[in-house]
PDB file of all heavy atoms in Angstrom:
ATOM      1  N   LEU A   1      24.427   1.600  -9.111  1.00  0.00           N
ATOM      2  CA  LEU A   1      24.432   2.380  -7.900  1.00  0.00           C
ATOM      3  C   LEU A   1      23.153   2.243  -7.172  1.00  0.00           C
ATOM      4  O   LEU A   1      22.087   2.233  -7.694  1.00  0.00           O
ATOM      5  CB  LEU A   1      24.694   3.867  -8.360  1.00  0.00           C
ATOM      6  CG  LEU A   1      26.024   4.150  -8.907  1.00  0.00           C
ATOM      7  CD1 LEU A   1      26.043   5.637  -9.415  1.00  0.00           C
ATOM      8  CD2 LEU A   1      27.210   3.951  -7.939  1.00  0.00           C
ATOM      9  N   PRO A   2      23.247   2.200  -5.786  1.00  0.00           N
ATOM     10  CA  PRO A   2      22.017   2.200  -4.995  1.00  0.00           C
ATOM     11  C   PRO A   2      21.147   3.389  -5.201  1.00  0.00           C
ATOM     12  O   PRO A   2      21.649   4.551  -5.379  1.00  0.00           O
ATOM     13  CB  PRO A   2      22.502   2.102  -3.556  1.00  0.00           C
ATOM     14  CG  PRO A   2      23.980   1.639  -3.661  1.00  0.00           C
ATOM     15  CD  PRO A   2      24.477   2.185  -4.966  1.00  0.00           C
ATOM     16  N   VAL A   3      19.860   3.174  -5.188  1.00  0.00           N
ATOM     17  CA  VAL A   3      18.863   4.263  -5.307  1.00  0.00           C
ATOM     18  C   VAL A   3      17.964   4.250  -4.072  1.00  0.00           C
ATOM     19  O   VAL A   3      17.380   3.222  -3.745  1.00  0.00           O
ATOM     20  CB  VAL A   3      18.054   4.115  -6.596  1.00  0.00           C
ATOM     21  CG1 VAL A   3      17.003   5.173  -6.697  1.00  0.00           C
ATOM     22  CG2 VAL A   3      18.918   4.100  -7.862  1.00  0.00           C
ATOM     23  N   SER A   4      17.882   5.458  -3.478  1.00  0.00           N
ATOM     24  CA  SER A   4      17.042   5.593  -2.275  1.00  0.00           C
ATOM     25  C   SER A   4      15.932   6.575  -2.542  1.00  0.00           C
ATOM     26  O   SER A   4      16.248   7.726  -2.927  1.00  0.00           O
ATOM     27  CB  SER A   4      17.924   5.991  -1.004  1.00  0.00           C
ATOM     28  OG  SER A   4      17.057   6.122   0.155  1.00  0.00           O
ATOM     29  N   VAL A   5      14.704   6.244  -2.303  1.00  0.00           N
ATOM     30  CA  VAL A   5      13.613   7.152  -2.617  1.00  0.00           C
ATOM     31  C   VAL A   5      12.392   6.793  -1.799  1.00  0.00           C
ATOM     32  O   VAL A   5      12.212   5.638  -1.357  1.00  0.00           O
ATOM     33  CB  VAL A   5      13.312   7.071  -4.155  1.00  0.00           C
ATOM     34  CG1 VAL A   5      12.778   5.660  -4.507  1.00  0.00           C
ATOM     35  CG2 VAL A   5      12.350   8.109  -4.570  1.00  0.00           C
ATOM     36  N   ASP A   6      11.460   7.775  -1.606  1.00  0.00           N
ATOM     37  CA  ASP A   6      10.206   7.543  -0.986  1.00  0.00           C
ATOM     38  C   ASP A   6       9.095   7.399  -1.998  1.00  0.00           C
ATOM     39  O   ASP A   6       9.062   8.166  -2.934  1.00  0.00           O
ATOM     40  CB  ASP A   6       9.789   8.700  -0.030  1.00  0.00           C
ATOM     41  CG  ASP A   6      10.738   8.805   1.182  1.00  0.00           C
ATOM     42  OD1 ASP A   6      11.411   7.788   1.500  1.00  0.00           O
ATOM     43  OD2 ASP A   6      10.809   9.897   1.759  1.00  0.00           O
ATOM     44  N   LEU A   7       8.313   6.316  -1.905  1.00  0.00           N
ATOM     45  CA  LEU A   7       7.314   6.048  -3.000  1.00  0.00           C
ATOM     46  C   LEU A   7       5.899   5.869  -2.348  1.00  0.00           C
ATOM     47  O   LEU A   7       5.822   5.344  -1.241  1.00  0.00           O
ATOM     48  CB  LEU A   7       7.696   4.758  -3.760  1.00  0.00           C
ATOM     49  CG  LEU A   7       9.033   4.758  -4.475  1.00  0.00           C
ATOM     50  CD1 LEU A   7       9.382   3.371  -5.032  1.00  0.00           C
ATOM     51  CD2 LEU A   7       8.951   5.795  -5.676  1.00  0.00           C
ATOM     52  N   LEU A   8       4.927   6.273  -3.083  1.00  0.00           N
ATOM     53  CA  LEU A   8       3.540   6.214  -2.682  1.00  0.00           C
ATOM     54  C   LEU A   8       2.936   4.944  -3.205  1.00  0.00           C
ATOM     55  O   LEU A   8       3.017   4.647  -4.461  1.00  0.00           O
ATOM     56  CB  LEU A   8       2.728   7.425  -3.131  1.00  0.00           C
ATOM     57  CG  LEU A   8       1.267   7.468  -2.832  1.00  0.00           C
ATOM     58  CD1 LEU A   8       1.042   7.516  -1.298  1.00  0.00           C
ATOM     59  CD2 LEU A   8       0.615   8.657  -3.507  1.00  0.00           C
ATOM     60  N   LEU A   9       2.297   4.157  -2.357  1.00  0.00           N
ATOM     61  CA  LEU A   9       1.637   2.936  -2.743  1.00  0.00           C
ATOM     62  C   LEU A   9       0.340   3.234  -3.493  1.00  0.00           C
ATOM     63  O   LEU A   9      -0.270   4.329  -3.214  1.00  0.00           O
ATOM     64  CB  LEU A   9       1.318   1.992  -1.544  1.00  0.00           C
ATOM     65  CG  LEU A   9       2.505   1.180  -0.971  1.00  0.00           C
ATOM     66  CD1 LEU A   9       1.982   0.541   0.295  1.00  0.00           C
ATOM     67  CD2 LEU A   9       3.011   0.247  -1.998  1.00  0.00           C
ATOM     68  N   ALA A  10      -0.027   2.422  -4.374  1.00  0.00           N
ATOM     69  CA  ALA A  10      -1.239   2.589  -5.183  1.00  0.00           C
ATOM     70  C   ALA A  10      -2.406   1.822  -4.566  1.00  0.00           C
ATOM     71  O   ALA A  10      -2.250   0.861  -3.799  1.00  0.00           O
ATOM     72  CB  ALA A  10      -1.039   2.105  -6.600  1.00  0.00           C
ATOM     73  N   GLY A  11      -3.647   2.284  -4.941  1.00  0.00           N
ATOM     74  CA  GLY A  11      -4.831   1.534  -4.625  1.00  0.00           C
ATOM     75  C   GLY A  11      -5.183   1.479  -3.127  1.00  0.00           C
ATOM     76  O   GLY A  11      -5.607   0.472  -2.647  1.00  0.00           O
ATOM     77  N   GLU A  12      -5.131   2.592  -2.425  1.00  0.00           N
ATOM     78  CA  GLU A  12      -5.400   2.568  -1.003  1.00  0.00           C
ATOM     79  C   GLU A  12      -6.971   2.617  -0.804  1.00  0.00           C
ATOM     80  O   GLU A  12      -7.618   3.465  -1.413  1.00  0.00           O
ATOM     81  CB  GLU A  12      -4.764   3.824  -0.328  1.00  0.00           C
ATOM     82  CG  GLU A  12      -3.303   3.874  -0.328  1.00  0.00           C
ATOM     83  CD  GLU A  12      -2.705   2.661   0.467  1.00  0.00           C
ATOM     84  OE1 GLU A  12      -3.429   2.242   1.352  1.00  0.00           O
ATOM     85  OE2 GLU A  12      -1.586   2.197   0.158  1.00  0.00           O
ATOM     86  N   LEU A  13      -7.429   1.694  -0.004  1.00  0.00           N
ATOM     87  CA  LEU A  13      -8.878   1.660   0.237  1.00  0.00           C
ATOM     88  C   LEU A  13      -9.356   2.680   1.300  1.00  0.00           C
ATOM     89  O   LEU A  13     -10.349   3.259   1.177  1.00  0.00           O
ATOM     90  CB  LEU A  13      -9.190   0.202   0.792  1.00  0.00           C
ATOM     91  CG  LEU A  13      -9.301  -0.919  -0.254  1.00  0.00           C
ATOM     92  CD1 LEU A  13      -9.629  -2.229   0.458  1.00  0.00           C
ATOM     93  CD2 LEU A  13     -10.250  -0.617  -1.300  1.00  0.00           C
ATOM     94  N   SER A  14      -8.480   2.932   2.265  1.00  0.00           N
ATOM     95  CA  SER A  14      -8.868   3.809   3.321  1.00  0.00           C
ATOM     96  C   SER A  14      -8.856   5.232   2.979  1.00  0.00           C
ATOM     97  O   SER A  14      -9.369   6.089   3.690  1.00  0.00           O
ATOM     98  CB  SER A  14      -7.953   3.526   4.573  1.00  0.00           C
ATOM     99  OG  SER A  14      -6.651   3.786   4.229  1.00  0.00           O
ATOM    100  N   GLY A  15      -8.114   5.585   1.899  1.00  0.00           N
ATOM    101  CA  GLY A  15      -7.973   6.969   1.549  1.00  0.00           C
ATOM    102  C   GLY A  15      -6.747   7.610   2.160  1.00  0.00           C
ATOM    103  O   GLY A  15      -6.426   8.716   1.813  1.00  0.00           O
ATOM    104  N   ASN A  16      -6.164   6.981   3.168  1.00  0.00           N
ATOM    105  CA  ASN A  16      -4.967   7.462   3.783  1.00  0.00           C
ATOM    106  C   ASN A  16      -3.714   6.984   3.008  1.00  0.00           C
ATOM    107  O   ASN A  16      -3.508   5.821   2.736  1.00  0.00           O
ATOM    108  CB  ASN A  16      -4.834   6.998   5.192  1.00  0.00           C
ATOM    109  CG  ASN A  16      -5.944   7.551   6.083  1.00  0.00           C
ATOM    110  OD1 ASN A  16      -6.357   8.685   5.886  1.00  0.00           O
ATOM    111  ND2 ASN A  16      -6.417   6.738   7.030  1.00  0.00           N
ATOM    112  N   ALA A  17      -2.922   7.927   2.561  1.00  0.00           N
ATOM    113  CA  ALA A  17      -1.779   7.612   1.746  1.00  0.00           C
ATOM    114  C   ALA A  17      -0.763   6.841   2.528  1.00  0.00           C
ATOM    115  O   ALA A  17      -0.479   7.091   3.690  1.00  0.00           O
ATOM    116  CB  ALA A  17      -1.106   8.926   1.201  1.00  0.00           C
ATOM    117  N   ARG A  18      -0.226   5.799   1.902  1.00  0.00           N
ATOM    118  CA  ARG A  18       0.829   4.999   2.560  1.00  0.00           C
ATOM    119  C   ARG A  18       2.098   5.110   1.720  1.00  0.00           C
ATOM    120  O   ARG A  18       2.115   4.917   0.552  1.00  0.00           O
ATOM    121  CB  ARG A  18       0.376   3.485   2.649  1.00  0.00           C
ATOM    122  CG  ARG A  18      -0.732   3.321   3.624  1.00  0.00           C
ATOM    123  CD  ARG A  18      -1.093   1.846   3.807  1.00  0.00           C
ATOM    124  NE  ARG A  18       0.087   1.150   4.311  1.00  0.00           N
ATOM    125  CZ  ARG A  18       0.576   0.034   3.802  1.00  0.00           C
ATOM    126  NH1 ARG A  18       0.024  -0.497   2.682  1.00  0.00           N
ATOM    127  NH2 ARG A  18       1.652  -0.584   4.338  1.00  0.00           N
ATOM    128  N   TRP A  19       3.136   5.452   2.411  1.00  0.00           N
ATOM    129  CA  TRP A  19       4.412   5.747   1.821  1.00  0.00           C
ATOM    130  C   TRP A  19       5.465   4.678   2.241  1.00  0.00           C
ATOM    131  O   TRP A  19       5.448   4.176   3.417  1.00  0.00           O
ATOM    132  CB  TRP A  19       4.962   7.118   2.256  1.00  0.00           C
ATOM    133  CG  TRP A  19       4.243   8.230   1.578  1.00  0.00           C
ATOM    134  CD1 TRP A  19       3.111   8.808   2.003  1.00  0.00           C
ATOM    135  CD2 TRP A  19       4.553   8.926   0.394  1.00  0.00           C
ATOM    136  NE1 TRP A  19       2.663   9.798   1.196  1.00  0.00           N
ATOM    137  CE2 TRP A  19       3.603   9.941   0.177  1.00  0.00           C
ATOM    138  CE3 TRP A  19       5.624   8.838  -0.528  1.00  0.00           C
ATOM    139  CZ2 TRP A  19       3.637  10.802  -0.936  1.00  0.00           C
ATOM    140  CZ3 TRP A  19       5.648   9.695  -1.653  1.00  0.00           C
ATOM    141  CH2 TRP A  19       4.670  10.655  -1.760  1.00  0.00           C
ATOM    142  N   LEU A  20       6.297   4.355   1.314  1.00  0.00           N
ATOM    143  CA  LEU A  20       7.387   3.373   1.623  1.00  0.00           C
ATOM    144  C   LEU A  20       8.706   4.064   1.256  1.00  0.00           C
ATOM    145  O   LEU A  20       8.839   4.717   0.237  1.00  0.00           O
ATOM    146  CB  LEU A  20       7.237   2.092   0.753  1.00  0.00           C
ATOM    147  CG  LEU A  20       5.994   1.237   0.978  1.00  0.00           C
ATOM    148  CD1 LEU A  20       6.093  -0.014   0.102  1.00  0.00           C
ATOM    149  CD2 LEU A  20       5.847   0.855   2.410  1.00  0.00           C
ATOM    150  N   HIS A  21       9.675   3.834   2.129  1.00  0.00           N
ATOM    151  CA  HIS A  21      11.054   4.213   1.760  1.00  0.00           C
ATOM    152  C   HIS A  21      11.673   2.966   1.096  1.00  0.00           C
ATOM    153  O   HIS A  21      11.800   1.896   1.676  1.00  0.00           O
ATOM    154  CB  HIS A  21      11.870   4.649   3.003  1.00  0.00           C
ATOM    155  CG  HIS A  21      13.252   5.037   2.648  1.00  0.00           C
ATOM    156  ND1 HIS A  21      13.574   6.233   2.027  1.00  0.00           N
ATOM    157  CD2 HIS A  21      14.470   4.427   2.867  1.00  0.00           C
ATOM    158  CE1 HIS A  21      14.832   6.298   1.831  1.00  0.00           C
ATOM    159  NE2 HIS A  21      15.406   5.215   2.370  1.00  0.00           N
ATOM    160  N   ALA A  22      12.179   3.215  -0.082  1.00  0.00           N
ATOM    161  CA  ALA A  22      12.710   2.094  -0.950  1.00  0.00           C
ATOM    162  C   ALA A  22      14.169   2.280  -1.151  1.00  0.00           C
ATOM    163  O   ALA A  22      14.599   3.430  -1.519  1.00  0.00           O
ATOM    164  CB  ALA A  22      11.914   1.972  -2.248  1.00  0.00           C
ATOM    165  N   LEU A  23      14.924   1.203  -1.058  1.00  0.00           N
ATOM    166  CA  LEU A  23      16.360   1.159  -1.401  1.00  0.00           C
ATOM    167  C   LEU A  23      16.528   0.078  -2.480  1.00  0.00           C
ATOM    168  O   LEU A  23      16.282  -1.080  -2.292  1.00  0.00           O
ATOM    169  CB  LEU A  23      17.240   0.824  -0.189  1.00  0.00           C
ATOM    170  CG  LEU A  23      18.665   0.708  -0.444  1.00  0.00           C
ATOM    171  CD1 LEU A  23      19.284   2.026  -0.949  1.00  0.00           C
ATOM    172  CD2 LEU A  23      19.480   0.237   0.821  1.00  0.00           C
ATOM    173  N   PHE A  24      16.945   0.517  -3.662  1.00  0.00           N
ATOM    174  CA  PHE A  24      17.173  -0.333  -4.824  1.00  0.00           C
ATOM    175  C   PHE A  24      18.617  -0.516  -5.060  1.00  0.00           C
ATOM    176  O   PHE A  24      19.381   0.519  -5.160  1.00  0.00           O
ATOM    177  CB  PHE A  24      16.468   0.201  -6.100  1.00  0.00           C
ATOM    178  CG  PHE A  24      14.978   0.410  -5.977  1.00  0.00           C
ATOM    179  CD1 PHE A  24      14.318   1.408  -6.660  1.00  0.00           C
ATOM    180  CD2 PHE A  24      14.213  -0.487  -5.179  1.00  0.00           C
ATOM    181  CE1 PHE A  24      12.909   1.587  -6.570  1.00  0.00           C
ATOM    182  CE2 PHE A  24      12.825  -0.330  -5.072  1.00  0.00           C
ATOM    183  CZ  PHE A  24      12.258   0.708  -5.752  1.00  0.00           C
ATOM    184  N   SER A  25      19.095  -1.726  -5.218  1.00  0.00           N
ATOM    185  CA  SER A  25      20.544  -1.934  -5.541  1.00  0.00           C
ATOM    186  C   SER A  25      20.610  -3.197  -6.425  1.00  0.00           C
ATOM    187  O   SER A  25      19.870  -4.128  -6.283  1.00  0.00           O
ATOM    188  CB  SER A  25      21.309  -2.122  -4.248  1.00  0.00           C
ATOM    189  OG  SER A  25      20.812  -3.199  -3.465  1.00  0.00           O
ATOM    190  N   SER A  26      21.561  -3.147  -7.354  1.00  0.00           N
ATOM    191  CA  SER A  26      21.666  -4.240  -8.355  1.00  0.00           C
ATOM    192  C   SER A  26      22.468  -5.412  -7.758  1.00  0.00           C
ATOM    193  O   SER A  26      23.432  -5.191  -6.999  1.00  0.00           O
ATOM    194  CB  SER A  26      22.375  -3.725  -9.635  1.00  0.00           C
ATOM    195  OG  SER A  26      23.655  -3.276  -9.311  1.00  0.00           O
ATOM    196  N   VAL A  27      22.103  -6.644  -8.066  1.00  0.00           N
ATOM    197  CA  VAL A  27      22.756  -7.828  -7.675  1.00  0.00           C
ATOM    198  C   VAL A  27      22.756  -8.779  -8.856  1.00  0.00           C
ATOM    199  O   VAL A  27      21.958  -8.620  -9.820  1.00  0.00           O
ATOM    200  CB  VAL A  27      22.114  -8.473  -6.442  1.00  0.00           C
ATOM    201  CG1 VAL A  27      22.191  -7.637  -5.225  1.00  0.00           C
ATOM    202  CG2 VAL A  27      20.650  -8.849  -6.772  1.00  0.00           C
ATOM    203  N   ARG A  28      23.735  -9.771  -8.813  1.00  0.00           N
ATOM    204  CA  ARG A  28      23.722 -10.810  -9.890  1.00  0.00           C
ATOM    205  C   ARG A  28      23.319 -12.131  -9.291  1.00  0.00           C
ATOM    206  O   ARG A  28      23.766 -12.490  -8.150  1.00  0.00           O
ATOM    207  CB  ARG A  28      25.098 -10.877 -10.449  1.00  0.00           C
ATOM    208  CG  ARG A  28      25.479  -9.733 -11.364  1.00  0.00           C
ATOM    209  CD  ARG A  28      26.823  -9.957 -12.045  1.00  0.00           C
ATOM    210  NE  ARG A  28      27.224  -8.790 -12.897  1.00  0.00           N
ATOM    211  CZ  ARG A  28      26.781  -8.577 -14.122  1.00  0.00           C
ATOM    212  NH1 ARG A  28      26.015  -9.578 -14.695  1.00  0.00           N
ATOM    213  NH2 ARG A  28      27.235  -7.590 -14.788  1.00  0.00           N
ATOM    214  N   ASN A  29      22.490 -12.843 -10.009  1.00  0.00           N
ATOM    215  CA  ASN A  29      22.178 -14.189  -9.566  1.00  0.00           C
ATOM    216  C   ASN A  29      23.223 -15.207  -9.996  1.00  0.00           C
ATOM    217  O   ASN A  29      24.289 -14.817 -10.598  1.00  0.00           O
ATOM    218  CB  ASN A  29      20.785 -14.597 -10.135  1.00  0.00           C
ATOM    219  CG  ASN A  29      20.742 -14.605 -11.684  1.00  0.00           C
ATOM    220  OD1 ASN A  29      21.800 -14.548 -12.347  1.00  0.00           O
ATOM    221  ND2 ASN A  29      19.578 -14.797 -12.227  1.00  0.00           N
ATOM    222  N   GLU A  30      22.974 -16.524  -9.749  1.00  0.00           N
ATOM    223  CA  GLU A  30      24.014 -17.521 -10.026  1.00  0.00           C
ATOM    224  C   GLU A  30      24.287 -17.689 -11.528  1.00  0.00           C
ATOM    225  O   GLU A  30      25.357 -18.184 -11.927  1.00  0.00           O
ATOM    226  CB  GLU A  30      23.568 -18.858  -9.445  1.00  0.00           C
ATOM    227  CG  GLU A  30      22.182 -19.371 -10.018  1.00  0.00           C
ATOM    228  CD  GLU A  30      21.062 -18.859  -9.212  1.00  0.00           C
ATOM    229  OE1 GLU A  30      21.259 -17.947  -8.379  1.00  0.00           O
ATOM    230  OE2 GLU A  30      19.930 -19.318  -9.420  1.00  0.00           O
ATOM    231  N   ASP A  31      23.299 -17.184 -12.390  1.00  0.00           N
ATOM    232  CA  ASP A  31      23.541 -17.270 -13.820  1.00  0.00           C
ATOM    233  C   ASP A  31      24.210 -15.984 -14.382  1.00  0.00           C
ATOM    234  O   ASP A  31      24.488 -15.867 -15.578  1.00  0.00           O
ATOM    235  CB  ASP A  31      22.208 -17.467 -14.561  1.00  0.00           C
ATOM    236  CG  ASP A  31      21.596 -18.765 -14.168  1.00  0.00           C
ATOM    237  OD1 ASP A  31      22.327 -19.739 -13.949  1.00  0.00           O
ATOM    238  OD2 ASP A  31      20.345 -18.842 -14.062  1.00  0.00           O
ATOM    239  N   GLY A  32      24.508 -15.043 -13.507  1.00  0.00           N
ATOM    240  CA  GLY A  32      25.143 -13.763 -13.941  1.00  0.00           C
ATOM    241  C   GLY A  32      24.183 -12.729 -14.424  1.00  0.00           C
ATOM    242  O   GLY A  32      24.608 -11.678 -14.857  1.00  0.00           O
ATOM    243  N   ASP A  33      22.907 -12.961 -14.318  1.00  0.00           N
ATOM    244  CA  ASP A  33      21.882 -11.962 -14.712  1.00  0.00           C
ATOM    245  C   ASP A  33      21.760 -10.888 -13.642  1.00  0.00           C
ATOM    246  O   ASP A  33      21.771 -11.134 -12.454  1.00  0.00           O
ATOM    247  CB  ASP A  33      20.494 -12.612 -14.920  1.00  0.00           C
ATOM    248  CG  ASP A  33      20.554 -13.694 -15.981  1.00  0.00           C
ATOM    249  OD1 ASP A  33      21.321 -13.523 -16.939  1.00  0.00           O
ATOM    250  OD2 ASP A  33      19.845 -14.741 -15.862  1.00  0.00           O
ATOM    251  N   LEU A  34      21.564  -9.654 -14.117  1.00  0.00           N
ATOM    252  CA  LEU A  34      21.436  -8.548 -13.127  1.00  0.00           C
ATOM    253  C   LEU A  34      19.960  -8.441 -12.728  1.00  0.00           C
ATOM    254  O   LEU A  34      19.061  -8.439 -13.475  1.00  0.00           O
ATOM    255  CB  LEU A  34      21.871  -7.180 -13.859  1.00  0.00           C
ATOM    256  CG  LEU A  34      23.328  -6.889 -13.797  1.00  0.00           C
ATOM    257  CD1 LEU A  34      23.624  -5.606 -14.707  1.00  0.00           C
ATOM    258  CD2 LEU A  34      23.811  -6.616 -12.389  1.00  0.00           C
ATOM    259  N   LEU A  35      19.814  -8.323 -11.394  1.00  0.00           N
ATOM    260  CA  LEU A  35      18.501  -8.191 -10.721  1.00  0.00           C
ATOM    261  C   LEU A  35      18.567  -7.004  -9.809  1.00  0.00           C
ATOM    262  O   LEU A  35      19.642  -6.418  -9.571  1.00  0.00           O
ATOM    263  CB  LEU A  35      18.123  -9.407  -9.979  1.00  0.00           C
ATOM    264  CG  LEU A  35      18.034 -10.748 -10.773  1.00  0.00           C
ATOM    265  CD1 LEU A  35      17.793 -11.934  -9.786  1.00  0.00           C
ATOM    266  CD2 LEU A  35      17.091 -10.711 -11.858  1.00  0.00           C
ATOM    267  N   VAL A  36      17.491  -6.602  -9.286  1.00  0.00           N
ATOM    268  CA  VAL A  36      17.424  -5.475  -8.319  1.00  0.00           C
ATOM    269  C   VAL A  36      16.916  -6.022  -6.984  1.00  0.00           C
ATOM    270  O   VAL A  36      15.852  -6.617  -6.909  1.00  0.00           O
ATOM    271  CB  VAL A  36      16.491  -4.362  -8.809  1.00  0.00           C
ATOM    272  CG1 VAL A  36      16.398  -3.200  -7.812  1.00  0.00           C
ATOM    273  CG2 VAL A  36      16.918  -3.822 -10.115  1.00  0.00           C
ATOM    274  N   GLU A  37      17.704  -5.765  -5.942  1.00  0.00           N
ATOM    275  CA  GLU A  37      17.317  -6.022  -4.597  1.00  0.00           C
ATOM    276  C   GLU A  37      16.526  -4.842  -4.068  1.00  0.00           C
ATOM    277  O   GLU A  37      17.119  -3.733  -3.998  1.00  0.00           O
ATOM    278  CB  GLU A  37      18.493  -6.343  -3.756  1.00  0.00           C
ATOM    279  CG  GLU A  37      18.165  -6.659  -2.280  1.00  0.00           C
ATOM    280  CD  GLU A  37      19.342  -6.802  -1.385  1.00  0.00           C
ATOM    281  OE1 GLU A  37      20.215  -5.961  -1.448  1.00  0.00           O
ATOM    282  OE2 GLU A  37      19.426  -7.789  -0.666  1.00  0.00           O
ATOM    283  N   CYS A  38      15.303  -5.048  -3.608  1.00  0.00           N
ATOM    284  CA  CYS A  38      14.458  -3.993  -3.116  1.00  0.00           C
ATOM    285  C   CYS A  38      14.216  -4.184  -1.579  1.00  0.00           C
ATOM    286  O   CYS A  38      13.712  -5.192  -1.210  1.00  0.00           O
ATOM    287  CB  CYS A  38      13.130  -3.961  -3.879  1.00  0.00           C
ATOM    288  SG  CYS A  38      13.274  -3.864  -5.654  1.00  0.00           S
ATOM    289  N   ILE A  39      14.606  -3.172  -0.857  1.00  0.00           N
ATOM    290  CA  ILE A  39      14.386  -3.139   0.599  1.00  0.00           C
ATOM    291  C   ILE A  39      13.393  -2.033   0.924  1.00  0.00           C
ATOM    292  O   ILE A  39      13.648  -0.852   0.547  1.00  0.00           O
ATOM    293  CB  ILE A  39      15.684  -3.029   1.384  1.00  0.00           C
ATOM    294  CG1 ILE A  39      16.669  -4.144   1.060  1.00  0.00           C
ATOM    295  CG2 ILE A  39      15.457  -2.977   2.883  1.00  0.00           C
ATOM    296  CD1 ILE A  39      18.006  -4.012   1.733  1.00  0.00           C
TER     297      ILE A  39
END
């Protein structure tokens, strides 16, 4: 199932927090292995 969440990036030099909205969904490659597509 797709997962949608806001995540905080690590290791900011400037001290200003940087946030990313992430959408995770599972996909299969040509070998049939499950991977995660991250947008």
